């Protein structure tokens, strides 16, 4: 049992925070959730958030929202369907 809850993505607003804080907030939230939406405006997050997702095997979608980015992170299903 992982403790992750299957609910709508949790919203994490990390605007105004400099890296590594947006990445740390995302990693902490993903301990308990299967999907999150992260809002961040630090340009370094454009590198760090996708790198975290790759390292953890998560899916990531990034969308520009004016002066910040919206990162949708979710746990990728395992090949055996878990």
C-alpha atoms as a PDB file:
ATOM      1  CA  UNK A   1       0.000   0.000   0.000  1.00  0.00           C
ATOM      2  CA  UNK A   2       1.528   3.306  -1.078  1.00  0.00           C
ATOM      3  CA  UNK A   3      -0.797   5.676   0.763  1.00  0.00           C
ATOM      4  CA  UNK A   4      -1.559   7.572  -2.431  1.00  0.00           C
ATOM      5  CA  UNK A   5      -5.113   8.766  -2.838  1.00  0.00           C
ATOM      6  CA  UNK A   6      -6.921   8.646  -6.194  1.00  0.00           C
ATOM      7  CA  UNK A   7      -8.534  12.093  -6.206  1.00  0.00           C
ATOM      8  CA  UNK A   8      -8.509  15.088  -8.531  1.00  0.00           C
ATOM      9  CA  UNK A   9      -4.990  16.534  -8.822  1.00  0.00           C
ATOM     10  CA  UNK A  10      -3.888  18.542  -5.792  1.00  0.00           C
ATOM     11  CA  UNK A  11      -3.019  22.157  -6.624  1.00  0.00           C
ATOM     12  CA  UNK A  12       0.400  23.301  -5.405  1.00  0.00           C
ATOM     13  CA  UNK A  13       0.984  27.038  -5.850  1.00  0.00           C
ATOM     14  CA  UNK A  14       4.743  27.636  -5.791  1.00  0.00           C
ATOM     15  CA  UNK A  15       4.662  30.985  -7.597  1.00  0.00           C
ATOM     16  CA  UNK A  16       7.164  33.362  -6.074  1.00  0.00           C
ATOM     17  CA  UNK A  17       9.363  30.534  -4.782  1.00  0.00           C
ATOM     18  CA  UNK A  18      12.829  29.960  -6.196  1.00  0.00           C
ATOM     19  CA  UNK A  19      14.184  26.514  -6.971  1.00  0.00           C
ATOM     20  CA  UNK A  20      14.598  24.099  -5.384  1.00  0.00           C
ATOM     21  CA  UNK A  21      11.358  24.923  -3.497  1.00  0.00           C
ATOM     22  CA  UNK A  22       8.883  24.236  -6.336  1.00  0.00           C
ATOM     23  CA  UNK A  23      10.526  20.848  -6.959  1.00  0.00           C
ATOM     24  CA  UNK A  24      10.571  19.995  -3.263  1.00  0.00           C
ATOM     25  CA  UNK A  25       6.887  20.925  -2.913  1.00  0.00           C
ATOM     26  CA  UNK A  26       6.024  18.763  -5.927  1.00  0.00           C
ATOM     27  CA  UNK A  27       8.012  15.778  -4.654  1.00  0.00           C
ATOM     28  CA  UNK A  28       6.406  16.013  -1.217  1.00  0.00           C
ATOM     29  CA  UNK A  29       2.872  16.234  -2.658  1.00  0.00           C
ATOM     30  CA  UNK A  30       3.481  13.248  -4.935  1.00  0.00           C
ATOM     31  CA  UNK A  31       4.183  11.083  -1.879  1.00  0.00           C
ATOM     32  CA  UNK A  32       0.464  11.208  -1.090  1.00  0.00           C
ATOM     33  CA  UNK A  33      -1.176  11.854  -4.465  1.00  0.00           C
ATOM     34  CA  UNK A  34      -1.214  10.127  -7.820  1.00  0.00           C
ATOM     35  CA  UNK A  35      -1.429  13.487  -9.625  1.00  0.00           C
ATOM     36  CA  UNK A  36      -0.746  17.144  -8.854  1.00  0.00           C
ATOM     37  CA  UNK A  37      -0.863  20.484 -10.623  1.00  0.00           C
ATOM     38  CA  UNK A  38       2.100  22.699  -9.785  1.00  0.00           C
ATOM     39  CA  UNK A  39       2.127  26.430 -10.521  1.00  0.00           C
ATOM     40  CA  UNK A  40       5.621  27.937 -10.662  1.00  0.00           C
ATOM     41  CA  UNK A  41       7.205  31.053 -12.103  1.00  0.00           C
ATOM     42  CA  UNK A  42      10.907  30.370 -11.500  1.00  0.00           C
ATOM     43  CA  UNK A  43      12.584  29.817 -14.895  1.00  0.00           C
ATOM     44  CA  UNK A  44      14.805  27.116 -13.384  1.00  0.00           C
ATOM     45  CA  UNK A  45      11.661  25.056 -12.679  1.00  0.00           C
ATOM     46  CA  UNK A  46      11.347  24.545 -16.461  1.00  0.00           C
ATOM     47  CA  UNK A  47      14.453  22.359 -16.162  1.00  0.00           C
ATOM     48  CA  UNK A  48      14.104  20.969 -12.651  1.00  0.00           C
ATOM     49  CA  UNK A  49      10.456  19.852 -12.619  1.00  0.00           C
ATOM     50  CA  UNK A  50      10.668  17.740 -15.815  1.00  0.00           C
ATOM     51  CA  UNK A  51      13.994  16.306 -14.565  1.00  0.00           C
ATOM     52  CA  UNK A  52      12.329  15.254 -11.311  1.00  0.00           C
ATOM     53  CA  UNK A  53       9.455  13.674 -13.237  1.00  0.00           C
ATOM     54  CA  UNK A  54      11.840  11.713 -15.472  1.00  0.00           C
ATOM     55  CA  UNK A  55      13.874  10.528 -12.496  1.00  0.00           C
ATOM     56  CA  UNK A  56      10.726   9.312 -10.718  1.00  0.00           C
ATOM     57  CA  UNK A  57       9.043   7.813 -13.796  1.00  0.00           C
ATOM     58  CA  UNK A  58       6.148  10.309 -13.669  1.00  0.00           C
ATOM     59  CA  UNK A  59       4.364  11.866 -16.616  1.00  0.00           C
ATOM     60  CA  UNK A  60       4.685  15.637 -16.898  1.00  0.00           C
ATOM     61  CA  UNK A  61       2.862  18.139 -19.084  1.00  0.00           C
ATOM     62  CA  UNK A  62       3.887  21.801 -19.025  1.00  0.00           C
ATOM     63  CA  UNK A  63       1.669  24.657 -20.140  1.00  0.00           C
ATOM     64  CA  UNK A  64       2.556  28.357 -20.256  1.00  0.00           C
ATOM     65  CA  UNK A  65       0.008  30.472 -18.372  1.00  0.00           C
ATOM     66  CA  UNK A  66       1.225  34.009 -19.034  1.00  0.00           C
ATOM     67  CA  UNK A  67       3.893  34.791 -16.440  1.00  0.00           C
ATOM     68  CA  UNK A  68       3.994  31.302 -14.882  1.00  0.00           C
ATOM     69  CA  UNK A  69       3.937  27.640 -15.911  1.00  0.00           C
ATOM     70  CA  UNK A  70       1.384  24.971 -15.025  1.00  0.00           C
ATOM     71  CA  UNK A  71       2.964  21.535 -14.537  1.00  0.00           C
ATOM     72  CA  UNK A  72       0.636  18.548 -14.502  1.00  0.00           C
ATOM     73  CA  UNK A  73       2.437  15.629 -12.866  1.00  0.00           C
ATOM     74  CA  UNK A  74       1.026  12.130 -12.577  1.00  0.00           C
ATOM     75  CA  UNK A  75       2.285   8.699 -11.757  1.00  0.00           C
ATOM     76  CA  UNK A  76       2.615   6.679 -14.949  1.00  0.00           C
ATOM     77  CA  UNK A  77       0.825   3.319 -14.799  1.00  0.00           C
ATOM     78  CA  UNK A  78       3.080   0.290 -14.491  1.00  0.00           C
ATOM     79  CA  UNK A  79       3.229  -2.097 -17.479  1.00  0.00           C
ATOM     80  CA  UNK A  80       1.380  -4.693 -15.389  1.00  0.00           C
ATOM     81  CA  UNK A  81      -1.497  -2.226 -14.837  1.00  0.00           C
ATOM     82  CA  UNK A  82      -0.661  -1.142 -11.268  1.00  0.00           C
END
